[in-house]
C-alpha atoms as a PDB file:
ATOM      1  CA  MET A   1       2.056  -0.383 -28.584  1.00  0.00           C
ATOM      2  CA  ASN A   2      -0.890   0.419 -26.307  1.00  0.00           C
ATOM      3  CA  SER A   3      -0.916  -0.096 -22.531  1.00  0.00           C
ATOM      4  CA  ASP A   4      -3.137  -3.218 -22.744  1.00  0.00           C
ATOM      5  CA  MET A   5      -0.696  -4.976 -25.036  1.00  0.00           C
ATOM      6  CA  LEU A   6       2.265  -3.880 -22.915  1.00  0.00           C
ATOM      7  CA  GLY A   7       0.531  -5.339 -19.862  1.00  0.00           C
ATOM      8  CA  ARG A   8       0.004  -8.658 -21.662  1.00  0.00           C
ATOM      9  CA  ILE A   9       3.631  -8.805 -22.797  1.00  0.00           C
ATOM     10  CA  THR A  10       4.733  -8.271 -19.210  1.00  0.00           C
ATOM     11  CA  ARG A  11       2.492 -11.175 -18.124  1.00  0.00           C
ATOM     12  CA  TYR A  12       3.878 -13.384 -20.914  1.00  0.00           C
ATOM     13  CA  TYR A  13       7.402 -12.572 -19.784  1.00  0.00           C
ATOM     14  CA  ARG A  14       6.652 -13.435 -16.159  1.00  0.00           C
ATOM     15  CA  ALA A  15       4.833 -16.641 -17.142  1.00  0.00           C
ATOM     16  CA  LEU A  16       7.706 -17.737 -19.388  1.00  0.00           C
ATOM     17  CA  ASN A  17      10.218 -17.233 -16.588  1.00  0.00           C
ATOM     18  CA  ARG A  18       8.083 -19.403 -14.314  1.00  0.00           C
ATOM     19  CA  LEU A  19       7.825 -22.103 -16.987  1.00  0.00           C
ATOM     20  CA  ARG A  20      11.588 -22.013 -17.553  1.00  0.00           C
ATOM     21  CA  SER A  21      12.200 -22.286 -13.796  1.00  0.00           C
ATOM     22  CA  ILE A  22      10.417 -25.658 -13.714  1.00  0.00           C
ATOM     23  CA  GLY A  23      12.532 -26.994 -16.573  1.00  0.00           C
ATOM     24  CA  LEU A  24      10.307 -26.506 -19.613  1.00  0.00           C
ATOM     25  CA  GLU A  25      11.965 -25.628 -22.921  1.00  0.00           C
ATOM     26  CA  LYS A  26       8.961 -25.169 -25.232  1.00  0.00           C
ATOM     27  CA  VAL A  27       5.493 -23.691 -24.882  1.00  0.00           C
ATOM     28  CA  PHE A  28       2.356 -23.611 -27.012  1.00  0.00           C
ATOM     29  CA  ALA A  29       0.102 -20.572 -27.375  1.00  0.00           C
ATOM     30  CA  HIS A  30      -2.689 -22.159 -25.321  1.00  0.00           C
ATOM     31  CA  ASN A  31      -0.259 -23.009 -22.470  1.00  0.00           C
ATOM     32  CA  LEU A  32       1.030 -19.441 -22.351  1.00  0.00           C
ATOM     33  CA  ALA A  33      -2.529 -18.124 -22.635  1.00  0.00           C
ATOM     34  CA  ASP A  34      -3.565 -20.112 -19.544  1.00  0.00           C
ATOM     35  CA  ALA A  35      -0.536 -18.905 -17.599  1.00  0.00           C
ATOM     36  CA  ALA A  36      -1.076 -15.264 -18.593  1.00  0.00           C
ATOM     37  CA  GLY A  37      -4.873 -15.224 -18.242  1.00  0.00           C
ATOM     38  CA  VAL A  38      -5.748 -14.494 -21.897  1.00  0.00           C
ATOM     39  CA  SER A  39      -6.914 -16.511 -24.911  1.00  0.00           C
ATOM     40  CA  ALA A  40      -4.606 -18.395 -27.275  1.00  0.00           C
ATOM     41  CA  ALA A  41      -5.886 -16.241 -30.155  1.00  0.00           C
ATOM     42  CA  ILE A  42      -4.706 -13.085 -28.380  1.00  0.00           C
ATOM     43  CA  VAL A  43      -1.279 -14.633 -27.730  1.00  0.00           C
ATOM     44  CA  ARG A  44      -0.901 -15.501 -31.426  1.00  0.00           C
ATOM     45  CA  LYS A  45      -2.094 -12.051 -32.507  1.00  0.00           C
ATOM     46  CA  ASP A  46       0.312 -10.276 -30.145  1.00  0.00           C
ATOM     47  CA  PHE A  47       3.238 -12.403 -31.266  1.00  0.00           C
ATOM     48  CA  SER A  48       2.342 -11.853 -34.914  1.00  0.00           C
ATOM     49  CA  LEU A  49       2.354  -8.072 -34.383  1.00  0.00           C
ATOM     50  CA  LEU A  50       5.767  -8.431 -32.730  1.00  0.00           C
ATOM     51  CA  SER A  51       7.046 -10.602 -35.621  1.00  0.00           C
ATOM     52  CA  ILE A  52       7.498 -13.580 -33.299  1.00  0.00           C
ATOM     53  CA  HIS A  53       6.791 -16.882 -34.997  1.00  0.00           C
ATOM     54  CA  GLY A  54       6.702 -20.396 -33.582  1.00  0.00           C
ATOM     55  CA  GLN A  55       6.443 -23.797 -35.208  1.00  0.00           C
ATOM     56  CA  LYS A  56       2.979 -25.177 -35.889  1.00  0.00           C
ATOM     57  CA  ARG A  57       3.688 -28.506 -34.252  1.00  0.00           C
ATOM     58  CA  GLY A  58       6.606 -27.565 -32.014  1.00  0.00           C
ATOM     59  CA  GLY A  59       5.332 -24.385 -30.392  1.00  0.00           C
ATOM     60  CA  TYR A  60       7.696 -21.645 -29.201  1.00  0.00           C
ATOM     61  CA  GLU A  61      11.186 -21.968 -27.752  1.00  0.00           C
ATOM     62  CA  ILE A  62      10.883 -20.520 -24.232  1.00  0.00           C
ATOM     63  CA  GLU A  63      14.477 -19.261 -24.061  1.00  0.00           C
ATOM     64  CA  GLU A  64      14.139 -17.472 -27.390  1.00  0.00           C
ATOM     65  CA  LEU A  65      10.792 -15.944 -26.387  1.00  0.00           C
ATOM     66  CA  ILE A  66      12.219 -14.640 -23.126  1.00  0.00           C
ATOM     67  CA  LYS A  67      15.111 -12.977 -24.967  1.00  0.00           C
ATOM     68  CA  LYS A  68      12.815 -11.313 -27.506  1.00  0.00           C
ATOM     69  CA  LEU A  69      10.301 -10.104 -24.921  1.00  0.00           C
ATOM     70  CA  ALA A  70      13.138  -8.854 -22.699  1.00  0.00           C
ATOM     71  CA  GLN A  71      14.376  -6.709 -25.605  1.00  0.00           C
ATOM     72  CA  ILE A  72      10.875  -5.332 -26.201  1.00  0.00           C
ATOM     73  CA  LEU A  73      10.437  -4.542 -22.487  1.00  0.00           C
ATOM     74  CA  GLY A  74      13.870  -2.937 -22.341  1.00  0.00           C
ATOM     75  CA  LYS A  75      15.176  -5.417 -19.799  1.00  0.00           C
ATOM     76  CA  GLY A  76      18.911  -5.617 -19.502  1.00  0.00           C
ATOM     77  CA  GLU A  77      20.649  -5.484 -16.172  1.00  0.00           C
ATOM     78  CA  SER A  78      18.601  -5.535 -12.978  1.00  0.00           C
ATOM     79  CA  GLU A  79      16.616  -2.393 -12.181  1.00  0.00           C
ATOM     80  CA  ASN A  80      17.076  -0.963  -8.699  1.00  0.00           C
ATOM     81  CA  VAL A  81      14.057  -0.083  -6.553  1.00  0.00           C
ATOM     82  CA  ILE A  82      13.739   1.540  -3.127  1.00  0.00           C
ATOM     83  CA  ILE A  83      10.981   1.354  -0.512  1.00  0.00           C
ATOM     84  CA  ILE A  84       9.869   4.432   1.401  1.00  0.00           C
ATOM     85  CA  GLY A  85       8.229   3.374   4.667  1.00  0.00           C
ATOM     86  CA  CYS A  86       9.345   0.108   6.235  1.00  0.00           C
ATOM     87  CA  GLY A  87       6.256  -0.803   8.230  1.00  0.00           C
ATOM     88  CA  ARG A  88       4.260  -3.977   7.653  1.00  0.00           C
ATOM     89  CA  ILE A  89       3.742  -3.597   3.893  1.00  0.00           C
ATOM     90  CA  GLY A  90       7.250  -2.263   3.375  1.00  0.00           C
ATOM     91  CA  LYS A  91       8.813  -5.142   5.319  1.00  0.00           C
ATOM     92  CA  ALA A  92       6.727  -7.694   3.425  1.00  0.00           C
ATOM     93  CA  LEU A  93       8.050  -6.262   0.151  1.00  0.00           C
ATOM     94  CA  MET A  94      11.601  -6.220   1.506  1.00  0.00           C
ATOM     95  CA  HIS A  95      11.370  -9.947   2.272  1.00  0.00           C
ATOM     96  CA  TYR A  96       9.639 -10.877  -0.995  1.00  0.00           C
ATOM     97  CA  SER A  97      11.899 -13.055  -3.160  1.00  0.00           C
ATOM     98  CA  GLY A  98       9.833 -12.923  -6.348  1.00  0.00           C
ATOM     99  CA  PHE A  99      11.305  -9.709  -7.767  1.00  0.00           C
ATOM    100  CA  GLU A 100      14.724 -11.077  -8.717  1.00  0.00           C
ATOM    101  CA  PRO A 101      13.569 -13.390 -11.565  1.00  0.00           C
ATOM    102  CA  ASP A 102      12.005 -10.338 -13.241  1.00  0.00           C
ATOM    103  CA  GLY A 103      15.213  -8.332 -13.062  1.00  0.00           C
ATOM    104  CA  ILE A 104      14.076  -6.144 -10.149  1.00  0.00           C
ATOM    105  CA  ARG A 105      16.245  -5.561  -7.077  1.00  0.00           C
ATOM    106  CA  VAL A 106      15.021  -3.844  -3.933  1.00  0.00           C
ATOM    107  CA  VAL A 107      18.284  -2.221  -2.860  1.00  0.00           C
ATOM    108  CA  ALA A 108      17.311   0.036   0.032  1.00  0.00           C
ATOM    109  CA  GLY A 109      14.549   1.074   2.384  1.00  0.00           C
ATOM    110  CA  PHE A 110      13.890   4.411   4.082  1.00  0.00           C
ATOM    111  CA  ASP A 111      12.091   5.227   7.283  1.00  0.00           C
ATOM    112  CA  SER A 112      11.802   8.105   9.765  1.00  0.00           C
ATOM    113  CA  ASP A 113      11.979   5.826  12.820  1.00  0.00           C
ATOM    114  CA  PRO A 114      15.554   5.290  14.155  1.00  0.00           C
ATOM    115  CA  LEU A 115      14.509   1.911  15.577  1.00  0.00           C
ATOM    116  CA  VAL A 116      13.634   0.753  12.064  1.00  0.00           C
ATOM    117  CA  TYR A 117      16.737   1.883  10.188  1.00  0.00           C
ATOM    118  CA  ALA A 118      19.016   0.713  13.021  1.00  0.00           C
ATOM    119  CA  ASP A 119      17.538  -2.810  12.968  1.00  0.00           C
ATOM    120  CA  ALA A 120      20.281  -5.203  11.832  1.00  0.00           C
ATOM    121  CA  SER A 121      17.743  -7.914  10.954  1.00  0.00           C
ATOM    122  CA  ASN A 122      16.500  -6.021   7.883  1.00  0.00           C
ATOM    123  CA  PRO A 123      17.181  -8.032   4.687  1.00  0.00           C
ATOM    124  CA  ILE A 124      18.304  -4.853   2.898  1.00  0.00           C
ATOM    125  CA  PRO A 125      19.885  -1.638   4.241  1.00  0.00           C
ATOM    126  CA  VAL A 126      17.357   0.816   5.693  1.00  0.00           C
ATOM    127  CA  TYR A 127      18.357   4.482   5.850  1.00  0.00           C
ATOM    128  CA  PRO A 128      16.949   7.667   7.369  1.00  0.00           C
ATOM    129  CA  MET A 129      15.066   9.909   4.917  1.00  0.00           C
ATOM    130  CA  SER A 130      17.914  12.430   5.117  1.00  0.00           C
ATOM    131  CA  ARG A 131      19.991  10.097   2.921  1.00  0.00           C
ATOM    132  CA  LEU A 132      17.344   9.676   0.188  1.00  0.00           C
ATOM    133  CA  GLU A 133      18.948  11.839  -2.504  1.00  0.00           C
ATOM    134  CA  GLU A 134      22.414  10.398  -1.822  1.00  0.00           C
ATOM    135  CA  VAL A 135      21.314   6.752  -2.157  1.00  0.00           C
ATOM    136  CA  VAL A 136      19.093   7.343  -5.216  1.00  0.00           C
ATOM    137  CA  GLU A 137      22.000   8.930  -7.059  1.00  0.00           C
ATOM    138  CA  ALA A 138      24.661   6.460  -5.900  1.00  0.00           C
ATOM    139  CA  MET A 139      22.606   3.373  -6.813  1.00  0.00           C
ATOM    140  CA  ASN A 140      21.029   4.805  -9.977  1.00  0.00           C
ATOM    141  CA  VAL A 141      17.511   4.148  -8.674  1.00  0.00           C
ATOM    142  CA  LYS A 142      14.666   4.849 -11.103  1.00  0.00           C
ATOM    143  CA  VAL A 143      11.620   3.572  -9.176  1.00  0.00           C
ATOM    144  CA  ALA A 144      10.363   3.975  -5.608  1.00  0.00           C
ATOM    145  CA  ILE A 145       7.602   2.192  -3.709  1.00  0.00           C
ATOM    146  CA  ILE A 146       5.745   4.312  -1.134  1.00  0.00           C
ATOM    147  CA  THR A 147       4.194   2.505   1.836  1.00  0.00           C
ATOM    148  CA  VAL A 148       4.120   5.310   4.417  1.00  0.00           C
ATOM    149  CA  PRO A 149       1.112   6.394   6.544  1.00  0.00           C
ATOM    150  CA  GLU A 150      -1.459   8.572   4.777  1.00  0.00           C
ATOM    151  CA  ASN A 151      -0.330  11.809   6.443  1.00  0.00           C
ATOM    152  CA  ALA A 152       3.241  11.348   5.207  1.00  0.00           C
ATOM    153  CA  ALA A 153       2.448  10.510   1.573  1.00  0.00           C
ATOM    154  CA  ALA A 154       2.494  14.044   0.132  1.00  0.00           C
ATOM    155  CA  ASP A 155       5.806  14.929   1.784  1.00  0.00           C
ATOM    156  CA  CYS A 156       7.450  11.686   0.589  1.00  0.00           C
ATOM    157  CA  TYR A 157       6.190  12.324  -2.928  1.00  0.00           C
ATOM    158  CA  SER A 158       7.647  15.848  -2.941  1.00  0.00           C
ATOM    159  CA  ARG A 159      10.996  14.507  -1.727  1.00  0.00           C
ATOM    160  CA  LEU A 160      11.052  11.880  -4.479  1.00  0.00           C
ATOM    161  CA  VAL A 161      10.190  14.424  -7.179  1.00  0.00           C
ATOM    162  CA  GLU A 162      13.323  16.361  -6.185  1.00  0.00           C
ATOM    163  CA  THR A 163      15.478  13.303  -6.903  1.00  0.00           C
ATOM    164  CA  ASN A 164      15.972  11.495 -10.226  1.00  0.00           C
ATOM    165  CA  ILE A 165      13.147   9.025  -9.502  1.00  0.00           C
ATOM    166  CA  GLU A 166      11.170   8.355 -12.697  1.00  0.00           C
ATOM    167  CA  GLY A 167       8.446   6.025 -11.400  1.00  0.00           C
ATOM    168  CA  ILE A 168       6.464   5.550  -8.204  1.00  0.00           C
ATOM    169  CA  LEU A 169       4.290   2.675  -7.004  1.00  0.00           C
ATOM    170  CA  ASN A 170       2.063   4.187  -4.333  1.00  0.00           C
ATOM    171  CA  PHE A 171       0.429   1.942  -1.718  1.00  0.00           C
ATOM    172  CA  THR A 172      -0.950   4.778   0.417  1.00  0.00           C
ATOM    173  CA  PRO A 173      -4.670   5.756   0.403  1.00  0.00           C
ATOM    174  CA  VAL A 174      -3.687   9.163  -1.021  1.00  0.00           C
ATOM    175  CA  THR A 175      -3.921   9.430  -4.826  1.00  0.00           C
ATOM    176  CA  LEU A 176      -0.672  10.879  -6.140  1.00  0.00           C
ATOM    177  CA  LYS A 177      -0.472  12.444  -9.600  1.00  0.00           C
ATOM    178  CA  SER A 178       2.324  12.991 -12.086  1.00  0.00           C
ATOM    179  CA  ARG A 179       3.456  16.564 -12.618  1.00  0.00           C
ATOM    180  CA  ASN A 180       3.939  18.383 -15.891  1.00  0.00           C
ATOM    181  CA  VAL A 181       7.691  18.877 -16.248  1.00  0.00           C
ATOM    182  CA  ASN A 182       8.648  20.641 -19.489  1.00  0.00           C
ATOM    183  CA  GLY A 183       5.603  19.192 -21.254  1.00  0.00           C
ATOM    184  CA  SER A 184       6.163  15.650 -19.984  1.00  0.00           C
ATOM    185  CA  MET A 185       4.238  14.031 -17.121  1.00  0.00           C
ATOM    186  CA  ARG A 186       6.787  12.924 -14.526  1.00  0.00           C
ATOM    187  CA  PRO A 187       7.291  10.818 -12.549  1.00  0.00           C
ATOM    188  CA  VAL A 188       5.103   7.950 -13.744  1.00  0.00           C
ATOM    189  CA  VAL A 189       2.764   7.116 -10.839  1.00  0.00           C
ATOM    190  CA  HIS A 190       0.709   3.976 -10.233  1.00  0.00           C
ATOM    191  CA  ASN A 191      -1.652   4.171  -7.256  1.00  0.00           C
ATOM    192  CA  ILE A 192      -2.550   0.890  -5.533  1.00  0.00           C
ATOM    193  CA  ASN A 193      -5.366   1.456  -3.037  1.00  0.00           C
ATOM    194  CA  ILE A 194      -5.873  -1.962  -1.429  1.00  0.00           C
ATOM    195  CA  ALA A 195      -9.060  -0.964   0.420  1.00  0.00           C
ATOM    196  CA  LEU A 196     -10.578   0.407  -2.786  1.00  0.00           C
ATOM    197  CA  GLU A 197      -9.693  -2.749  -4.707  1.00  0.00           C
ATOM    198  CA  LEU A 198     -11.315  -4.912  -2.010  1.00  0.00           C
ATOM    199  CA  GLU A 199     -14.385  -2.678  -2.071  1.00  0.00           C
ATOM    200  CA  GLN A 200     -14.624  -3.214  -5.832  1.00  0.00           C
ATOM    201  CA  ILE A 201     -14.368  -6.988  -5.388  1.00  0.00           C
ATOM    202  CA  PHE A 202     -17.164  -7.020  -2.777  1.00  0.00           C
ATOM    203  CA  TYR A 203     -19.314  -4.886  -5.083  1.00  0.00           C
ATOM    204  CA  GLU A 204     -18.745  -7.266  -7.997  1.00  0.00           C
ATOM    205  CA  ILE A 205     -19.568 -10.288  -5.797  1.00  0.00           C
ATOM    206  CA  GLN A 206     -22.811  -8.625  -4.693  1.00  0.00           C
ATOM    207  CA  PHE A 207     -23.663  -7.584  -8.266  1.00  0.00           C
ATOM    208  CA  LEU A 208     -23.051 -11.106  -9.608  1.00  0.00           C
ATOM    209  CA  GLY A 209     -25.204 -12.529  -6.802  1.00  0.00           C
ATOM    210  CA  LYS A 210     -28.126 -10.333  -7.881  1.00  0.00           C
ATOM    211  CA  GLU A 211     -27.764 -11.528 -11.487  1.00  0.00           C
ATOM    212  CA  ASP A 212     -28.164 -15.156 -10.355  1.00  0.00           C
END
């Protein structure tokens, strides 16, 4: 399965959970296509490759689809995630309630500022960085989100590599790269540069304006 198809399956899974949450029990390919941002033909092709078959007139059973896609995505019990850096972006993620339906639990935050990790109003426990390894091991955490200032990104990354963290979502402007560990690139790193993404959007808007 290539990364494009995996990305679509993830979107199908999220869309199906939303549809189930509003009380729907069945879905047609074109409904799921609209919700996932693809064409109905692609939905049918993907499901055919995954040996998932619906009824011509009745569509797909949402509950059954969710179970099958959950198996393909390896979803079982909730996956634990931590946040490194509890500033504005970190706090926004800590308060976000949309992770739970997808089986993701933000279980802890970390910060170097005593005023932050001593704040009782935090929705999840926030610890000093000195407790990183302890918490990662105790809570079987596989993924970390980095939202620290640019000058702290490299140090945080090095600290995470020394733990059992297998994946990192990086919101800092610094591009972090996986390392070759015994022939395997670890941890898996996804860099999200918000400023760069906005720049790309403005460029596309300008480019489309010139075409008109």
